Amino acid sequence: MYEGAIQDLIDELGRLPGVGPKSAQRIAFHILSADPADVNRLATSLRKVKELVRFCTTCFNVAESELCRVCRDTRRTNEVLCVVEEPKDVVAIERTGEFRGRYHVLGGAINPLEGIGPDNLRIRELLARLGTGEVRELILATDPNTEGEATATYLALMVKPMGIAVTRLASGLPVGGDLEYADEITLGRAFEGRRAV
């Protein structure tokens, strides 16, 4: 539609996840009209993230050194390990302030339609961590969708013979939600996971 640099920018922005053609165009024109100092800060941040950020050698969370912030924290317990799909899931759990164990980031979920099998995830590394004997409970915190459920089921089958307690995050109704808008699966899980008051 446009020519030269602006179309190249729109095309590159459109390749980002969740950014459609109209959003890419809006962002491109915002950058075009933005103060040059703001654009330079954005460009510097993009370069820095590619130069400095890597994956933690223990849990595969994002880090700027060999170990991430969570793995460096000596106040955390090694007896409880929470398995998540992506680093952004670590952030979501950390925001609750409820979990004081360690993490393991798989790097995705089993998805045969996309060609992602167990060998494409960091499952071997997880089993090696579990083999040390320190972990007493493995919390499966994969997404509550078909791929996340398949991944959790696969991991549970692999880990249970090791004698480690395997738990799954409860799922159910969101706070502030209405029952009439809940889907059958969510409502069914809410019933399964009910607790005494």
C-alpha atoms as a PDB file:
ATOM      1  CA  MET A   1       0.000   0.000   0.000  1.00  0.00           C
ATOM      2  CA  TYR A   2       2.769   2.415   0.960  1.00  0.00           C
ATOM      3  CA  GLU A   3       6.241   2.605  -0.435  1.00  0.00           C
ATOM      4  CA  GLY A   4       9.700   2.135   0.950  1.00  0.00           C
ATOM      5  CA  ALA A   5      10.585   2.338   4.624  1.00  0.00           C
ATOM      6  CA  ILE A   6       7.064   2.886   5.989  1.00  0.00           C
ATOM      7  CA  GLN A   7       5.732  -0.238   4.226  1.00  0.00           C
ATOM      8  CA  ASP A   8       8.759  -2.217   5.408  1.00  0.00           C
ATOM      9  CA  LEU A   9       8.013  -1.116   8.994  1.00  0.00           C
ATOM     10  CA  ILE A  10       4.308  -2.026   8.648  1.00  0.00           C
ATOM     11  CA  ASP A  11       5.278  -5.425   7.246  1.00  0.00           C
ATOM     12  CA  GLU A  12       7.724  -6.122  10.091  1.00  0.00           C
ATOM     13  CA  LEU A  13       5.278  -4.991  12.770  1.00  0.00           C
ATOM     14  CA  GLY A  14       2.593  -7.164  11.175  1.00  0.00           C
ATOM     15  CA  ARG A  15       4.783 -10.223  11.705  1.00  0.00           C
ATOM     16  CA  LEU A  16       4.572  -9.762  15.497  1.00  0.00           C
ATOM     17  CA  PRO A  17       2.113 -12.050  17.309  1.00  0.00           C
ATOM     18  CA  GLY A  18      -1.245 -10.410  17.919  1.00  0.00           C
ATOM     19  CA  VAL A  19      -0.538  -7.475  15.603  1.00  0.00           C
ATOM     20  CA  GLY A  20      -2.831  -7.420  12.600  1.00  0.00           C
ATOM     21  CA  PRO A  21      -2.429  -5.249   9.488  1.00  0.00           C
ATOM     22  CA  LYS A  22      -4.428  -2.299  10.883  1.00  0.00           C
ATOM     23  CA  SER A  23      -2.591  -2.353  14.216  1.00  0.00           C
ATOM     24  CA  ALA A  24       0.738  -2.551  12.381  1.00  0.00           C
ATOM     25  CA  GLN A  25      -0.227   0.481  10.318  1.00  0.00           C
ATOM     26  CA  ARG A  26      -1.310   2.445  13.427  1.00  0.00           C
ATOM     27  CA  ILE A  27       1.931   1.605  15.250  1.00  0.00           C
ATOM     28  CA  ALA A  28       4.040   2.503  12.199  1.00  0.00           C
ATOM     29  CA  PHE A  29       2.393   5.896  11.842  1.00  0.00           C
ATOM     30  CA  HIS A  30       2.696   6.489  15.584  1.00  0.00           C
ATOM     31  CA  ILE A  31       6.435   5.804  15.317  1.00  0.00           C
ATOM     32  CA  LEU A  32       6.640   8.083  12.291  1.00  0.00           C
ATOM     33  CA  SER A  33       5.070  10.983  14.194  1.00  0.00           C
ATOM     34  CA  ALA A  34       6.789  10.257  17.537  1.00  0.00           C
ATOM     35  CA  ASP A  35       9.623  12.301  18.983  1.00  0.00           C
ATOM     36  CA  PRO A  36      12.989  11.010  17.658  1.00  0.00           C
ATOM     37  CA  ALA A  37      14.236  10.500  21.236  1.00  0.00           C
ATOM     38  CA  ASP A  38      11.300   8.156  21.951  1.00  0.00           C
ATOM     39  CA  VAL A  39      11.995   6.172  18.779  1.00  0.00           C
ATOM     40  CA  ASN A  40      15.689   5.914  19.674  1.00  0.00           C
ATOM     41  CA  ARG A  41      14.818   4.594  23.147  1.00  0.00           C
ATOM     42  CA  LEU A  42      12.578   1.965  21.552  1.00  0.00           C
ATOM     43  CA  ALA A  43      15.287   0.961  19.073  1.00  0.00           C
ATOM     44  CA  THR A  44      17.881   0.794  21.871  1.00  0.00           C
ATOM     45  CA  SER A  45      15.567  -1.374  23.989  1.00  0.00           C
ATOM     46  CA  LEU A  46      15.032  -3.768  21.079  1.00  0.00           C
ATOM     47  CA  ARG A  47      18.781  -4.070  20.491  1.00  0.00           C
ATOM     48  CA  LYS A  48      19.521  -4.527  24.205  1.00  0.00           C
ATOM     49  CA  VAL A  49      16.962  -7.283  24.660  1.00  0.00           C
ATOM     50  CA  LYS A  50      18.547  -9.270  21.819  1.00  0.00           C
ATOM     51  CA  GLU A  51      22.076  -8.663  23.138  1.00  0.00           C
ATOM     52  CA  LEU A  52      21.542  -9.147  26.882  1.00  0.00           C
ATOM     53  CA  VAL A  53      18.589 -11.451  27.469  1.00  0.00           C
ATOM     54  CA  ARG A  54      19.065 -15.214  27.388  1.00  0.00           C
ATOM     55  CA  PHE A  55      17.494 -18.230  29.052  1.00  0.00           C
ATOM     56  CA  CYS A  56      18.391 -19.323  32.569  1.00  0.00           C
ATOM     57  CA  THR A  57      20.600 -22.408  32.482  1.00  0.00           C
ATOM     58  CA  THR A  58      18.553 -24.064  35.246  1.00  0.00           C
ATOM     59  CA  CYS A  59      14.873 -23.265  34.669  1.00  0.00           C
ATOM     60  CA  PHE A  60      14.887 -21.637  31.186  1.00  0.00           C
ATOM     61  CA  ASN A  61      13.170 -18.456  32.366  1.00  0.00           C
ATOM     62  CA  VAL A  62      14.454 -15.237  30.810  1.00  0.00           C
ATOM     63  CA  ALA A  63      17.603 -13.881  32.448  1.00  0.00           C
ATOM     64  CA  GLU A  64      20.416 -11.415  31.915  1.00  0.00           C
ATOM     65  CA  SER A  65      22.972 -13.689  33.566  1.00  0.00           C
ATOM     66  CA  GLU A  66      23.488 -17.432  33.785  1.00  0.00           C
ATOM     67  CA  LEU A  67      20.704 -17.774  36.368  1.00  0.00           C
ATOM     68  CA  CYS A  68      17.392 -15.910  36.522  1.00  0.00           C
ATOM     69  CA  ARG A  69      16.230 -13.907  39.530  1.00  0.00           C
ATOM     70  CA  VAL A  70      14.140 -16.811  40.874  1.00  0.00           C
ATOM     71  CA  CYS A  71      16.966 -19.363  40.638  1.00  0.00           C
ATOM     72  CA  ARG A  72      19.353 -16.958  42.398  1.00  0.00           C
ATOM     73  CA  ASP A  73      16.909 -16.443  45.313  1.00  0.00           C
ATOM     74  CA  THR A  74      18.225 -18.561  48.206  1.00  0.00           C
ATOM     75  CA  ARG A  75      15.009 -18.066  50.214  1.00  0.00           C
ATOM     76  CA  ARG A  76      13.013 -20.283  47.836  1.00  0.00           C
ATOM     77  CA  THR A  77      12.443 -23.977  48.418  1.00  0.00           C
ATOM     78  CA  ASN A  78      13.843 -26.595  46.071  1.00  0.00           C
ATOM     79  CA  GLU A  79      11.203 -29.123  47.157  1.00  0.00           C
ATOM     80  CA  VAL A  80       8.398 -27.698  45.010  1.00  0.00           C
ATOM     81  CA  LEU A  81       8.813 -27.244  41.258  1.00  0.00           C
ATOM     82  CA  CYS A  82       6.198 -25.497  39.120  1.00  0.00           C
ATOM     83  CA  VAL A  83       6.158 -26.377  35.413  1.00  0.00           C
ATOM     84  CA  VAL A  84       4.941 -23.656  33.035  1.00  0.00           C
ATOM     85  CA  GLU A  85       4.859 -23.300  29.277  1.00  0.00           C
ATOM     86  CA  GLU A  86       6.444 -19.862  28.790  1.00  0.00           C
ATOM     87  CA  PRO A  87       8.420 -17.254  30.782  1.00  0.00           C
ATOM     88  CA  LYS A  88       5.353 -14.983  30.823  1.00  0.00           C
ATOM     89  CA  ASP A  89       3.610 -17.667  32.917  1.00  0.00           C
ATOM     90  CA  VAL A  90       6.314 -17.272  35.590  1.00  0.00           C
ATOM     91  CA  VAL A  91       5.496 -13.570  35.779  1.00  0.00           C
ATOM     92  CA  ALA A  92       1.764 -14.304  36.142  1.00  0.00           C
ATOM     93  CA  ILE A  93       2.380 -16.714  39.034  1.00  0.00           C
ATOM     94  CA  GLU A  94       4.923 -14.435  40.696  1.00  0.00           C
ATOM     95  CA  ARG A  95       2.375 -11.584  40.712  1.00  0.00           C
ATOM     96  CA  THR A  96       0.201 -13.632  43.082  1.00  0.00           C
ATOM     97  CA  GLY A  97       2.930 -13.699  45.742  1.00  0.00           C
ATOM     98  CA  GLU A  98       1.696 -17.196  46.703  1.00  0.00           C
ATOM     99  CA  PHE A  99       4.431 -19.444  45.314  1.00  0.00           C
ATOM    100  CA  ARG A 100       7.853 -19.787  46.992  1.00  0.00           C
ATOM    101  CA  GLY A 101       9.259 -22.744  45.055  1.00  0.00           C
ATOM    102  CA  ARG A 102      11.186 -23.022  41.806  1.00  0.00           C
ATOM    103  CA  TYR A 103      10.092 -23.070  38.156  1.00  0.00           C
ATOM    104  CA  HIS A 104      10.757 -25.017  35.004  1.00  0.00           C
ATOM    105  CA  VAL A 105       9.823 -23.411  31.665  1.00  0.00           C
ATOM    106  CA  LEU A 106       9.051 -25.974  28.958  1.00  0.00           C
ATOM    107  CA  GLY A 107       9.175 -23.565  26.025  1.00  0.00           C
ATOM    108  CA  GLY A 108       5.683 -24.450  24.787  1.00  0.00           C
ATOM    109  CA  ALA A 109       3.192 -27.290  24.912  1.00  0.00           C
ATOM    110  CA  ILE A 110       2.672 -30.550  23.063  1.00  0.00           C
ATOM    111  CA  ASN A 111       0.799 -29.720  19.855  1.00  0.00           C
ATOM    112  CA  PRO A 112       0.886 -32.432  17.164  1.00  0.00           C
ATOM    113  CA  LEU A 113      -0.970 -30.206  14.681  1.00  0.00           C
ATOM    114  CA  GLU A 114       1.910 -27.719  14.844  1.00  0.00           C
ATOM    115  CA  GLY A 115       4.535 -30.468  14.827  1.00  0.00           C
ATOM    116  CA  ILE A 116       5.494 -29.921  18.479  1.00  0.00           C
ATOM    117  CA  GLY A 117       6.120 -33.138  20.359  1.00  0.00           C
ATOM    118  CA  PRO A 118       7.733 -33.907  23.725  1.00  0.00           C
ATOM    119  CA  ASP A 119      11.209 -33.847  22.139  1.00  0.00           C
ATOM    120  CA  ASN A 120      10.673 -30.210  21.122  1.00  0.00           C
ATOM    121  CA  LEU A 121      10.139 -29.136  24.743  1.00  0.00           C
ATOM    122  CA  ARG A 122      12.523 -29.011  27.708  1.00  0.00           C
ATOM    123  CA  ILE A 123      11.200 -32.254  29.179  1.00  0.00           C
ATOM    124  CA  ARG A 124      14.578 -34.052  29.274  1.00  0.00           C
ATOM    125  CA  GLU A 125      15.964 -31.173  31.324  1.00  0.00           C
ATOM    126  CA  LEU A 126      12.947 -31.377  33.653  1.00  0.00           C
ATOM    127  CA  LEU A 127      13.460 -35.098  34.220  1.00  0.00           C
ATOM    128  CA  ALA A 128      17.148 -34.470  34.942  1.00  0.00           C
ATOM    129  CA  ARG A 129      16.181 -31.879  37.597  1.00  0.00           C
ATOM    130  CA  LEU A 130      13.689 -34.296  39.128  1.00  0.00           C
ATOM    131  CA  GLY A 131      16.339 -37.016  39.183  1.00  0.00           C
ATOM    132  CA  THR A 132      18.352 -35.143  41.842  1.00  0.00           C
ATOM    133  CA  GLY A 133      15.853 -36.231  44.517  1.00  0.00           C
ATOM    134  CA  GLU A 134      15.293 -32.731  45.913  1.00  0.00           C
ATOM    135  CA  VAL A 135      11.821 -32.182  44.444  1.00  0.00           C
ATOM    136  CA  ARG A 136       8.910 -33.543  46.515  1.00  0.00           C
ATOM    137  CA  GLU A 137       6.024 -31.952  44.552  1.00  0.00           C
ATOM    138  CA  LEU A 138       5.684 -31.109  40.872  1.00  0.00           C
ATOM    139  CA  ILE A 139       2.967 -28.560  40.103  1.00  0.00           C
ATOM    140  CA  LEU A 140       1.720 -28.716  36.523  1.00  0.00           C
ATOM    141  CA  ALA A 141       0.738 -25.155  35.597  1.00  0.00           C
ATOM    142  CA  THR A 142       0.300 -25.554  31.854  1.00  0.00           C
ATOM    143  CA  ASP A 143      -2.516 -23.688  30.129  1.00  0.00           C
ATOM    144  CA  PRO A 144      -6.043 -25.085  30.583  1.00  0.00           C
ATOM    145  CA  ASN A 145      -6.491 -25.791  26.869  1.00  0.00           C
ATOM    146  CA  THR A 146      -6.129 -28.936  24.763  1.00  0.00           C
ATOM    147  CA  GLU A 147      -2.360 -28.547  24.318  1.00  0.00           C
ATOM    148  CA  GLY A 148      -1.758 -27.696  27.990  1.00  0.00           C
ATOM    149  CA  GLU A 149      -3.873 -30.629  29.144  1.00  0.00           C
ATOM    150  CA  ALA A 150      -2.033 -33.017  26.810  1.00  0.00           C
ATOM    151  CA  THR A 151       1.302 -31.736  28.121  1.00  0.00           C
ATOM    152  CA  ALA A 152       0.199 -32.055  31.761  1.00  0.00           C
ATOM    153  CA  THR A 153      -1.084 -35.589  31.192  1.00  0.00           C
ATOM    154  CA  TYR A 154       2.149 -36.607  29.455  1.00  0.00           C
ATOM    155  CA  LEU A 155       4.288 -35.162  32.268  1.00  0.00           C
ATOM    156  CA  ALA A 156       2.150 -36.770  34.971  1.00  0.00           C
ATOM    157  CA  LEU A 157       2.594 -40.180  33.351  1.00  0.00           C
ATOM    158  CA  MET A 158       6.363 -39.647  33.107  1.00  0.00           C
ATOM    159  CA  VAL A 159       6.833 -38.377  36.677  1.00  0.00           C
ATOM    160  CA  LYS A 160       4.478 -40.479  38.821  1.00  0.00           C
ATOM    161  CA  PRO A 161       6.736 -43.599  38.704  1.00  0.00           C
ATOM    162  CA  MET A 162       9.489 -41.416  40.243  1.00  0.00           C
ATOM    163  CA  GLY A 163       7.529 -41.185  43.517  1.00  0.00           C
ATOM    164  CA  ILE A 164       7.083 -37.400  43.285  1.00  0.00           C
ATOM    165  CA  ALA A 165       3.690 -35.924  44.134  1.00  0.00           C
ATOM    166  CA  VAL A 166       2.184 -34.452  40.963  1.00  0.00           C
ATOM    167  CA  THR A 167      -0.491 -31.764  41.246  1.00  0.00           C
ATOM    168  CA  ARG A 168      -2.336 -29.626  38.702  1.00  0.00           C
ATOM    169  CA  LEU A 169      -3.460 -26.054  39.209  1.00  0.00           C
ATOM    170  CA  ALA A 170      -7.144 -25.861  39.982  1.00  0.00           C
ATOM    171  CA  SER A 171      -9.303 -24.246  37.361  1.00  0.00           C
ATOM    172  CA  GLY A 172     -12.797 -22.885  37.609  1.00  0.00           C
ATOM    173  CA  LEU A 173     -14.786 -19.702  37.694  1.00  0.00           C
ATOM    174  CA  PRO A 174     -13.095 -16.314  37.602  1.00  0.00           C
ATOM    175  CA  VAL A 175     -13.773 -13.875  40.424  1.00  0.00           C
ATOM    176  CA  GLY A 176     -16.518 -11.509  39.363  1.00  0.00           C
ATOM    177  CA  GLY A 177     -17.797 -13.884  36.656  1.00  0.00           C
ATOM    178  CA  ASP A 178     -21.392 -14.951  36.124  1.00  0.00           C
ATOM    179  CA  LEU A 179     -22.341 -18.641  36.070  1.00  0.00           C
ATOM    180  CA  GLU A 180     -24.510 -18.177  33.005  1.00  0.00           C
ATOM    181  CA  TYR A 181     -21.478 -17.158  30.923  1.00  0.00           C
ATOM    182  CA  ALA A 182     -19.221 -20.026  32.031  1.00  0.00           C
ATOM    183  CA  ASP A 183     -18.591 -22.794  29.510  1.00  0.00           C
ATOM    184  CA  GLU A 184     -19.366 -26.391  30.477  1.00  0.00           C
ATOM    185  CA  ILE A 185     -15.745 -27.427  30.938  1.00  0.00           C
ATOM    186  CA  THR A 186     -14.922 -24.507  33.233  1.00  0.00           C
ATOM    187  CA  LEU A 187     -18.089 -25.026  35.259  1.00  0.00           C
ATOM    188  CA  GLY A 188     -17.412 -28.770  35.484  1.00  0.00           C
ATOM    189  CA  ARG A 189     -13.895 -28.131  36.779  1.00  0.00           C
ATOM    190  CA  ALA A 190     -15.239 -25.650  39.291  1.00  0.00           C
ATOM    191  CA  PHE A 191     -17.464 -28.417  40.660  1.00  0.00           C
ATOM    192  CA  GLU A 192     -14.591 -30.927  40.720  1.00  0.00           C
ATOM    193  CA  GLY A 193     -12.306 -28.496  42.529  1.00  0.00           C
ATOM    194  CA  ARG A 194     -14.837 -27.280  45.091  1.00  0.00           C
ATOM    195  CA  ARG A 195     -13.639 -26.955  48.689  1.00  0.00           C
ATOM    196  CA  ALA A 196     -15.175 -26.717  52.133  1.00  0.00           C
ATOM    197  CA  VAL A 197     -16.074 -23.280  53.434  1.00  0.00           C
END
